[in-house]
Amino acid sequence: MLGAGKHFVRHVFPAVIKPIRILWNEIIGFIFLAIGVMVSFSTWRNFNGGQAAGNPFILVMGGSFALMLLYLGWSSFRRAKKISRS
């Protein structure tokens, strides 16, 4: 009886975990992309007309942070696609 339970878990568990991992990566990817887009718009708005208008430090730091978030979102979608193909 215990062997049948192990056999069941060994076959069902991977079939359940794989879609959950794909969905998790897609959700995280969307969140990173959405925050990255918001940060980039905010950075551009502050660079053009905010308190520190024209300050290149704002553009460099905010832009690099936005690029990092966009890259993390994109790589999370790539990882989800890789998991779905395996």
PDB file of N, CA and C in Angstrom:
ATOM      1  N   MET A   1       0.821  -1.192   0.000  1.00  0.00           N
ATOM      2  CA  MET A   1       0.000   0.000   0.000  1.00  0.00           C
ATOM      3  C   MET A   1       0.864   1.254   0.000  1.00  0.00           C
ATOM      4  N   LEU A   2       1.941   1.270   0.782  1.00  0.00           N
ATOM      5  CA  LEU A   2       2.817   2.430   0.842  1.00  0.00           C
ATOM      6  C   LEU A   2       3.545   2.640  -0.480  1.00  0.00           C
ATOM      7  N   GLY A   3       3.861   1.566  -1.175  1.00  0.00           N
ATOM      8  CA  GLY A   3       4.523   1.667  -2.473  1.00  0.00           C
ATOM      9  C   GLY A   3       3.637   2.339  -3.509  1.00  0.00           C
ATOM     10  N   ALA A   4       2.331   2.083  -3.446  1.00  0.00           N
ATOM     11  CA  ALA A   4       1.408   2.726  -4.385  1.00  0.00           C
ATOM     12  C   ALA A   4       1.332   4.225  -4.117  1.00  0.00           C
ATOM     13  N   GLY A   5       1.397   4.620  -2.872  1.00  0.00           N
ATOM     14  CA  GLY A   5       1.389   6.044  -2.525  1.00  0.00           C
ATOM     15  C   GLY A   5       2.634   6.747  -3.042  1.00  0.00           C
ATOM     16  N   LYS A   6       3.794   6.104  -2.873  1.00  0.00           N
ATOM     17  CA  LYS A   6       5.040   6.671  -3.398  1.00  0.00           C
ATOM     18  C   LYS A   6       4.973   6.794  -4.909  1.00  0.00           C
ATOM     19  N   HIS A   7       4.455   5.773  -5.547  1.00  0.00           N
ATOM     20  CA  HIS A   7       4.337   5.778  -7.000  1.00  0.00           C
ATOM     21  C   HIS A   7       3.410   6.907  -7.464  1.00  0.00           C
ATOM     22  N   PHE A   8       2.306   7.088  -6.757  1.00  0.00           N
ATOM     23  CA  PHE A   8       1.355   8.157  -7.076  1.00  0.00           C
ATOM     24  C   PHE A   8       2.006   9.529  -6.929  1.00  0.00           C
ATOM     25  N   VAL A   9       2.683   9.753  -5.797  1.00  0.00           N
ATOM     26  CA  VAL A   9       3.324  11.042  -5.537  1.00  0.00           C
ATOM     27  C   VAL A   9       4.438  11.298  -6.546  1.00  0.00           C
ATOM     28  N   ARG A  10       5.187  10.279  -6.904  1.00  0.00           N
ATOM     29  CA  ARG A  10       6.294  10.427  -7.837  1.00  0.00           C
ATOM     30  C   ARG A  10       5.810  10.854  -9.224  1.00  0.00           C
ATOM     31  N   HIS A  11       4.602  10.480  -9.597  1.00  0.00           N
ATOM     32  CA  HIS A  11       4.092  10.829 -10.917  1.00  0.00           C
ATOM     33  C   HIS A  11       3.215  12.085 -10.907  1.00  0.00           C
ATOM     34  N   VAL A  12       2.489  12.306  -9.849  1.00  0.00           N
ATOM     35  CA  VAL A  12       1.567  13.440  -9.807  1.00  0.00           C
ATOM     36  C   VAL A  12       2.282  14.726  -9.389  1.00  0.00           C
ATOM     37  N   PHE A  13       3.198  14.641  -8.451  1.00  0.00           N
ATOM     38  CA  PHE A  13       3.871  15.830  -7.922  1.00  0.00           C
ATOM     39  C   PHE A  13       4.560  16.635  -9.012  1.00  0.00           C
ATOM     40  N   PRO A  14       5.386  16.046  -9.900  1.00  0.00           N
ATOM     41  CA  PRO A  14       5.997  16.852 -10.963  1.00  0.00           C
ATOM     42  C   PRO A  14       4.970  17.458 -11.924  1.00  0.00           C
ATOM     43  N   ALA A  15       3.889  16.755 -12.171  1.00  0.00           N
ATOM     44  CA  ALA A  15       2.863  17.275 -13.078  1.00  0.00           C
ATOM     45  C   ALA A  15       2.122  18.465 -12.475  1.00  0.00           C
ATOM     46  N   VAL A  16       2.108  18.582 -11.167  1.00  0.00           N
ATOM     47  CA  VAL A  16       1.450  19.710 -10.507  1.00  0.00           C
ATOM     48  C   VAL A  16       2.436  20.857 -10.301  1.00  0.00           C
ATOM     49  N   ILE A  17       3.673  20.540  -9.975  1.00  0.00           N
ATOM     50  CA  ILE A  17       4.669  21.560  -9.684  1.00  0.00           C
ATOM     51  C   ILE A  17       5.072  22.334 -10.936  1.00  0.00           C
ATOM     52  N   LYS A  18       5.167  21.678 -12.076  1.00  0.00           N
ATOM     53  CA  LYS A  18       5.617  22.345 -13.297  1.00  0.00           C
ATOM     54  C   LYS A  18       4.722  23.525 -13.682  1.00  0.00           C
ATOM     55  N   PRO A  19       3.397  23.368 -13.759  1.00  0.00           N
ATOM     56  CA  PRO A  19       2.565  24.541 -14.080  1.00  0.00           C
ATOM     57  C   PRO A  19       2.622  25.635 -13.015  1.00  0.00           C
ATOM     58  N   ILE A  20       2.785  25.244 -11.761  1.00  0.00           N
ATOM     59  CA  ILE A  20       2.886  26.242 -10.699  1.00  0.00           C
ATOM     60  C   ILE A  20       4.160  27.059 -10.863  1.00  0.00           C
ATOM     61  N   ARG A  21       5.278  26.401 -11.205  1.00  0.00           N
ATOM     62  CA  ARG A  21       6.538  27.124 -11.433  1.00  0.00           C
ATOM     63  C   ARG A  21       6.429  28.057 -12.634  1.00  0.00           C
ATOM     64  N   ILE A  22       5.766  27.603 -13.705  1.00  0.00           N
ATOM     65  CA  ILE A  22       5.591  28.445 -14.888  1.00  0.00           C
ATOM     66  C   ILE A  22       4.761  29.674 -14.534  1.00  0.00           C
ATOM     67  N   LEU A  23       3.647  29.460 -13.840  1.00  0.00           N
ATOM     68  CA  LEU A  23       2.779  30.570 -13.455  1.00  0.00           C
ATOM     69  C   LEU A  23       3.496  31.542 -12.523  1.00  0.00           C
ATOM     70  N   TRP A  24       4.265  31.018 -11.586  1.00  0.00           N
ATOM     71  CA  TRP A  24       5.020  31.871 -10.655  1.00  0.00           C
ATOM     72  C   TRP A  24       5.985  32.763 -11.426  1.00  0.00           C
ATOM     73  N   ASN A  25       6.739  32.188 -12.359  1.00  0.00           N
ATOM     74  CA  ASN A  25       7.686  32.978 -13.131  1.00  0.00           C
ATOM     75  C   ASN A  25       6.990  34.018 -13.996  1.00  0.00           C
ATOM     76  N   GLU A  26       5.834  33.688 -14.545  1.00  0.00           N
ATOM     77  CA  GLU A  26       5.105  34.662 -15.348  1.00  0.00           C
ATOM     78  C   GLU A  26       4.551  35.798 -14.492  1.00  0.00           C
ATOM     79  N   ILE A  27       4.062  35.491 -13.314  1.00  0.00           N
ATOM     80  CA  ILE A  27       3.544  36.535 -12.426  1.00  0.00           C
ATOM     81  C   ILE A  27       4.671  37.459 -11.973  1.00  0.00           C
ATOM     82  N   ILE A  28       5.781  36.876 -11.555  1.00  0.00           N
ATOM     83  CA  ILE A  28       6.927  37.680 -11.118  1.00  0.00           C
ATOM     84  C   ILE A  28       7.462  38.513 -12.275  1.00  0.00           C
ATOM     85  N   GLY A  29       7.510  37.914 -13.475  1.00  0.00           N
ATOM     86  CA  GLY A  29       7.959  38.659 -14.648  1.00  0.00           C
ATOM     87  C   GLY A  29       7.071  39.853 -14.938  1.00  0.00           C
ATOM     88  N   PHE A  30       5.752  39.662 -14.849  1.00  0.00           N
ATOM     89  CA  PHE A  30       4.829  40.772 -15.070  1.00  0.00           C
ATOM     90  C   PHE A  30       5.025  41.872 -14.026  1.00  0.00           C
ATOM     91  N   ILE A  31       5.195  41.478 -12.776  1.00  0.00           N
ATOM     92  CA  ILE A  31       5.382  42.478 -11.711  1.00  0.00           C
ATOM     93  C   ILE A  31       6.653  43.280 -11.948  1.00  0.00           C
ATOM     94  N   PHE A  32       7.756  42.597 -12.282  1.00  0.00           N
ATOM     95  CA  PHE A  32       9.009  43.305 -12.546  1.00  0.00           C
ATOM     96  C   PHE A  32       8.879  44.231 -13.756  1.00  0.00           C
ATOM     97  N   LEU A  33       8.225  43.769 -14.827  1.00  0.00           N
ATOM     98  CA  LEU A  33       8.054  44.610 -16.002  1.00  0.00           C
ATOM     99  C   LEU A  33       7.188  45.826 -15.685  1.00  0.00           C
ATOM    100  N   ALA A  34       6.116  45.626 -14.933  1.00  0.00           N
ATOM    101  CA  ALA A  34       5.230  46.744 -14.597  1.00  0.00           C
ATOM    102  C   ALA A  34       5.957  47.771 -13.726  1.00  0.00           C
ATOM    103  N   ILE A  35       6.694  47.317 -12.731  1.00  0.00           N
ATOM    104  CA  ILE A  35       7.432  48.248 -11.872  1.00  0.00           C
ATOM    105  C   ILE A  35       8.538  48.931 -12.665  1.00  0.00           C
ATOM    106  N   GLY A  36       9.196  48.185 -13.561  1.00  0.00           N
ATOM    107  CA  GLY A  36      10.247  48.782 -14.391  1.00  0.00           C
ATOM    108  C   GLY A  36       9.719  49.882 -15.289  1.00  0.00           C
ATOM    109  N   VAL A  37       8.537  49.681 -15.873  1.00  0.00           N
ATOM    110  CA  VAL A  37       7.936  50.715 -16.713  1.00  0.00           C
ATOM    111  C   VAL A  37       7.559  51.935 -15.865  1.00  0.00           C
ATOM    112  N   MET A  38       7.000  51.702 -14.688  1.00  0.00           N
ATOM    113  CA  MET A  38       6.639  52.829 -13.822  1.00  0.00           C
ATOM    114  C   MET A  38       7.878  53.609 -13.380  1.00  0.00           C
ATOM    115  N   VAL A  39       8.952  52.897 -13.051  1.00  0.00           N
ATOM    116  CA  VAL A  39      10.191  53.569 -12.628  1.00  0.00           C
ATOM    117  C   VAL A  39      10.766  54.373 -13.785  1.00  0.00           C
ATOM    118  N   SER A  40      10.729  53.825 -14.996  1.00  0.00           N
ATOM    119  CA  SER A  40      11.297  54.559 -16.127  1.00  0.00           C
ATOM    120  C   SER A  40      10.495  55.826 -16.420  1.00  0.00           C
ATOM    121  N   PHE A  41       9.146  55.749 -16.367  1.00  0.00           N
ATOM    122  CA  PHE A  41       8.348  56.957 -16.568  1.00  0.00           C
ATOM    123  C   PHE A  41       8.588  57.972 -15.461  1.00  0.00           C
ATOM    124  N   SER A  42       8.686  57.510 -14.233  1.00  0.00           N
ATOM    125  CA  SER A  42       8.932  58.408 -13.110  1.00  0.00           C
ATOM    126  C   SER A  42      10.303  59.069 -13.223  1.00  0.00           C
ATOM    127  N   THR A  43      11.284  58.293 -13.621  1.00  0.00           N
ATOM    128  CA  THR A  43      12.630  58.837 -13.791  1.00  0.00           C
ATOM    129  C   THR A  43      12.642  59.902 -14.872  1.00  0.00           C
ATOM    130  N   TRP A  44      11.999  59.630 -15.984  1.00  0.00           N
ATOM    131  CA  TRP A  44      11.957  60.602 -17.078  1.00  0.00           C
ATOM    132  C   TRP A  44      11.215  61.872 -16.670  1.00  0.00           C
ATOM    133  N   ARG A  45      10.103  61.701 -15.942  1.00  0.00           N
ATOM    134  CA  ARG A  45       9.331  62.854 -15.495  1.00  0.00           C
ATOM    135  C   ARG A  45      10.148  63.705 -14.515  1.00  0.00           C
ATOM    136  N   ASN A  46      10.858  63.068 -13.596  1.00  0.00           N
ATOM    137  CA  ASN A  46      11.676  63.812 -12.637  1.00  0.00           C
ATOM    138  C   ASN A  46      12.879  64.457 -13.300  1.00  0.00           C
ATOM    139  N   PHE A  47      13.419  63.826 -14.329  1.00  0.00           N
ATOM    140  CA  PHE A  47      14.556  64.403 -15.033  1.00  0.00           C
ATOM    141  C   PHE A  47      14.131  65.638 -15.826  1.00  0.00           C
ATOM    142  N   ASN A  48      12.948  65.598 -16.404  1.00  0.00           N
ATOM    143  CA  ASN A  48      12.489  66.720 -17.225  1.00  0.00           C
ATOM    144  C   ASN A  48      11.895  67.867 -16.421  1.00  0.00           C
ATOM    145  N   GLY A  49      11.129  67.588 -15.389  1.00  0.00           N
ATOM    146  CA  GLY A  49      10.459  68.702 -14.728  1.00  0.00           C
ATOM    147  C   GLY A  49      10.324  68.585 -13.239  1.00  0.00           C
ATOM    148  N   GLY A  50      11.032  67.712 -12.602  1.00  0.00           N
ATOM    149  CA  GLY A  50      10.911  67.539 -11.159  1.00  0.00           C
ATOM    150  C   GLY A  50      11.761  68.541 -10.403  1.00  0.00           C
ATOM    151  N   GLN A  51      11.984  68.268  -9.125  1.00  0.00           N
ATOM    152  CA  GLN A  51      12.800  69.154  -8.300  1.00  0.00           C
ATOM    153  C   GLN A  51      14.247  69.204  -8.799  1.00  0.00           C
ATOM    154  N   ALA A  52      14.732  68.068  -9.264  1.00  0.00           N
ATOM    155  CA  ALA A  52      16.119  68.004  -9.725  1.00  0.00           C
ATOM    156  C   ALA A  52      16.155  67.948 -11.251  1.00  0.00           C
ATOM    157  N   ALA A  53      15.454  68.855 -11.911  1.00  0.00           N
ATOM    158  CA  ALA A  53      15.355  68.834 -13.370  1.00  0.00           C
ATOM    159  C   ALA A  53      16.736  69.023 -13.994  1.00  0.00           C
ATOM    160  N   GLY A  54      17.035  68.160 -14.941  1.00  0.00           N
ATOM    161  CA  GLY A  54      18.305  68.247 -15.650  1.00  0.00           C
ATOM    162  C   GLY A  54      19.470  67.583 -14.947  1.00  0.00           C
ATOM    163  N   ASN A  55      19.263  67.002 -13.789  1.00  0.00           N
ATOM    164  CA  ASN A  55      20.332  66.347 -13.046  1.00  0.00           C
ATOM    165  C   ASN A  55      20.621  64.990 -13.689  1.00  0.00           C
ATOM    166  N   PRO A  56      21.824  64.796 -14.233  1.00  0.00           N
ATOM    167  CA  PRO A  56      22.115  63.522 -14.891  1.00  0.00           C
ATOM    168  C   PRO A  56      22.194  62.344 -13.916  1.00  0.00           C
ATOM    169  N   PHE A  57      22.453  62.613 -12.640  1.00  0.00           N
ATOM    170  CA  PHE A  57      22.514  61.546 -11.648  1.00  0.00           C
ATOM    171  C   PHE A  57      21.162  60.854 -11.522  1.00  0.00           C
ATOM    172  N   ILE A  58      20.084  61.649 -11.580  1.00  0.00           N
ATOM    173  CA  ILE A  58      18.723  61.090 -11.516  1.00  0.00           C
ATOM    174  C   ILE A  58      18.496  60.168 -12.709  1.00  0.00           C
ATOM    175  N   LEU A  59      18.905  60.614 -13.877  1.00  0.00           N
ATOM    176  CA  LEU A  59      18.698  59.835 -15.089  1.00  0.00           C
ATOM    177  C   LEU A  59      19.524  58.553 -15.077  1.00  0.00           C
ATOM    178  N   VAL A  60      20.763  58.627 -14.637  1.00  0.00           N
ATOM    179  CA  VAL A  60      21.635  57.444 -14.621  1.00  0.00           C
ATOM    180  C   VAL A  60      21.165  56.430 -13.586  1.00  0.00           C
ATOM    181  N   MET A  61      20.898  56.868 -12.385  1.00  0.00           N
ATOM    182  CA  MET A  61      20.501  55.935 -11.325  1.00  0.00           C
ATOM    183  C   MET A  61      19.106  55.372 -11.568  1.00  0.00           C
ATOM    184  N   GLY A  62      18.151  56.222 -11.892  1.00  0.00           N
ATOM    185  CA  GLY A  62      16.800  55.744 -12.157  1.00  0.00           C
ATOM    186  C   GLY A  62      16.745  54.880 -13.404  1.00  0.00           C
ATOM    187  N   GLY A  63      17.490  55.276 -14.431  1.00  0.00           N
ATOM    188  CA  GLY A  63      17.527  54.489 -15.661  1.00  0.00           C
ATOM    189  C   GLY A  63      18.155  53.129 -15.462  1.00  0.00           C
ATOM    190  N   SER A  64      19.237  53.074 -14.698  1.00  0.00           N
ATOM    191  CA  SER A  64      19.876  51.773 -14.465  1.00  0.00           C
ATOM    192  C   SER A  64      18.981  50.874 -13.610  1.00  0.00           C
ATOM    193  N   PHE A  65      18.271  51.452 -12.650  1.00  0.00           N
ATOM    194  CA  PHE A  65      17.346  50.659 -11.838  1.00  0.00           C
ATOM    195  C   PHE A  65      16.192  50.146 -12.691  1.00  0.00           C
ATOM    196  N   ALA A  66      15.673  50.999 -13.570  1.00  0.00           N
ATOM    197  CA  ALA A  66      14.582  50.585 -14.458  1.00  0.00           C
ATOM    198  C   ALA A  66      15.057  49.491 -15.409  1.00  0.00           C
ATOM    199  N   LEU A  67      16.247  49.628 -15.965  1.00  0.00           N
ATOM    200  CA  LEU A  67      16.783  48.601 -16.857  1.00  0.00           C
ATOM    201  C   LEU A  67      16.970  47.277 -16.132  1.00  0.00           C
ATOM    202  N   MET A  68      17.418  47.334 -14.889  1.00  0.00           N
ATOM    203  CA  MET A  68      17.582  46.109 -14.113  1.00  0.00           C
ATOM    204  C   MET A  68      16.235  45.415 -13.902  1.00  0.00           C
ATOM    205  N   LEU A  69      15.215  46.177 -13.559  1.00  0.00           N
ATOM    206  CA  LEU A  69      13.892  45.591 -13.354  1.00  0.00           C
ATOM    207  C   LEU A  69      13.328  45.021 -14.647  1.00  0.00           C
ATOM    208  N   LEU A  70      13.513  45.732 -15.757  1.00  0.00           N
ATOM    209  CA  LEU A  70      13.033  45.236 -17.037  1.00  0.00           C
ATOM    210  C   LEU A  70      13.760  43.963 -17.439  1.00  0.00           C
ATOM    211  N   TYR A  71      15.059  43.902 -17.186  1.00  0.00           N
ATOM    212  CA  TYR A  71      15.815  42.685 -17.493  1.00  0.00           C
ATOM    213  C   TYR A  71      15.331  41.509 -16.637  1.00  0.00           C
ATOM    214  N   LEU A  72      15.096  41.748 -15.356  1.00  0.00           N
ATOM    215  CA  LEU A  72      14.622  40.675 -14.481  1.00  0.00           C
ATOM    216  C   LEU A  72      13.253  40.166 -14.919  1.00  0.00           C
ATOM    217  N   GLY A  73      12.372  41.065 -15.344  1.00  0.00           N
ATOM    218  CA  GLY A  73      11.071  40.652 -15.846  1.00  0.00           C
ATOM    219  C   GLY A  73      11.186  39.837 -17.115  1.00  0.00           C
ATOM    220  N   TRP A  74      12.014  40.297 -18.033  1.00  0.00           N
ATOM    221  CA  TRP A  74      12.215  39.587 -19.294  1.00  0.00           C
ATOM    222  C   TRP A  74      12.830  38.211 -19.054  1.00  0.00           C
ATOM    223  N   SER A  75      13.821  38.130 -18.187  1.00  0.00           N
ATOM    224  CA  SER A  75      14.465  36.838 -17.924  1.00  0.00           C
ATOM    225  C   SER A  75      13.517  35.878 -17.199  1.00  0.00           C
ATOM    226  N   SER A  76      12.600  36.404 -16.411  1.00  0.00           N
ATOM    227  CA  SER A  76      11.626  35.541 -15.757  1.00  0.00           C
ATOM    228  C   SER A  76      10.671  34.929 -16.774  1.00  0.00           C
ATOM    229  N   PHE A  77      10.257  35.708 -17.780  1.00  0.00           N
ATOM    230  CA  PHE A  77       9.427  35.142 -18.846  1.00  0.00           C
ATOM    231  C   PHE A  77      10.202  34.112 -19.666  1.00  0.00           C
ATOM    232  N   ARG A  78      11.479  34.371 -19.900  1.00  0.00           N
ATOM    233  CA  ARG A  78      12.302  33.387 -20.617  1.00  0.00           C
ATOM    234  C   ARG A  78      12.427  32.099 -19.817  1.00  0.00           C
ATOM    235  N   ARG A  79      12.592  32.205 -18.508  1.00  0.00           N
ATOM    236  CA  ARG A  79      12.693  31.031 -17.647  1.00  0.00           C
ATOM    237  C   ARG A  79      11.396  30.230 -17.650  1.00  0.00           C
ATOM    238  N   ALA A  80      10.253  30.933 -17.663  1.00  0.00           N
ATOM    239  CA  ALA A  80       8.961  30.246 -17.708  1.00  0.00           C
ATOM    240  C   ALA A  80       8.814  29.493 -19.033  1.00  0.00           C
ATOM    241  N   LYS A  81       9.272  30.088 -20.110  1.00  0.00           N
ATOM    242  CA  LYS A  81       9.197  29.406 -21.406  1.00  0.00           C
ATOM    243  C   LYS A  81      10.109  28.194 -21.435  1.00  0.00           C
ATOM    244  N   LYS A  82      11.279  28.316 -20.823  1.00  0.00           N
ATOM    245  CA  LYS A  82      12.221  27.205 -20.766  1.00  0.00           C
ATOM    246  C   LYS A  82      11.639  26.036 -19.947  1.00  0.00           C
ATOM    247  N   ILE A  83      10.976  26.363 -18.846  1.00  0.00           N
ATOM    248  CA  ILE A  83      10.359  25.323 -18.016  1.00  0.00           C
ATOM    249  C   ILE A  83       9.235  24.640 -18.777  1.00  0.00           C
ATOM    250  N   SER A  84       8.470  25.407 -19.537  1.00  0.00           N
ATOM    251  CA  SER A  84       7.340  24.809 -20.261  1.00  0.00           C
ATOM    252  C   SER A  84       7.806  23.889 -21.382  1.00  0.00           C
ATOM    253  N   ARG A  85       8.992  24.124 -21.911  1.00  0.00           N
ATOM    254  CA  ARG A  85       9.516  23.273 -22.990  1.00  0.00           C
ATOM    255  C   ARG A  85      10.129  21.996 -22.478  1.00  0.00           C
ATOM    256  N   SER A  86      10.513  21.961 -21.224  1.00  0.00           N
ATOM    257  CA  SER A  86      11.181  20.751 -20.689  1.00  0.00           C
ATOM    258  C   SER A  86      10.201  19.679 -20.297  1.00  0.00           C
TER     259      SER A  86
END
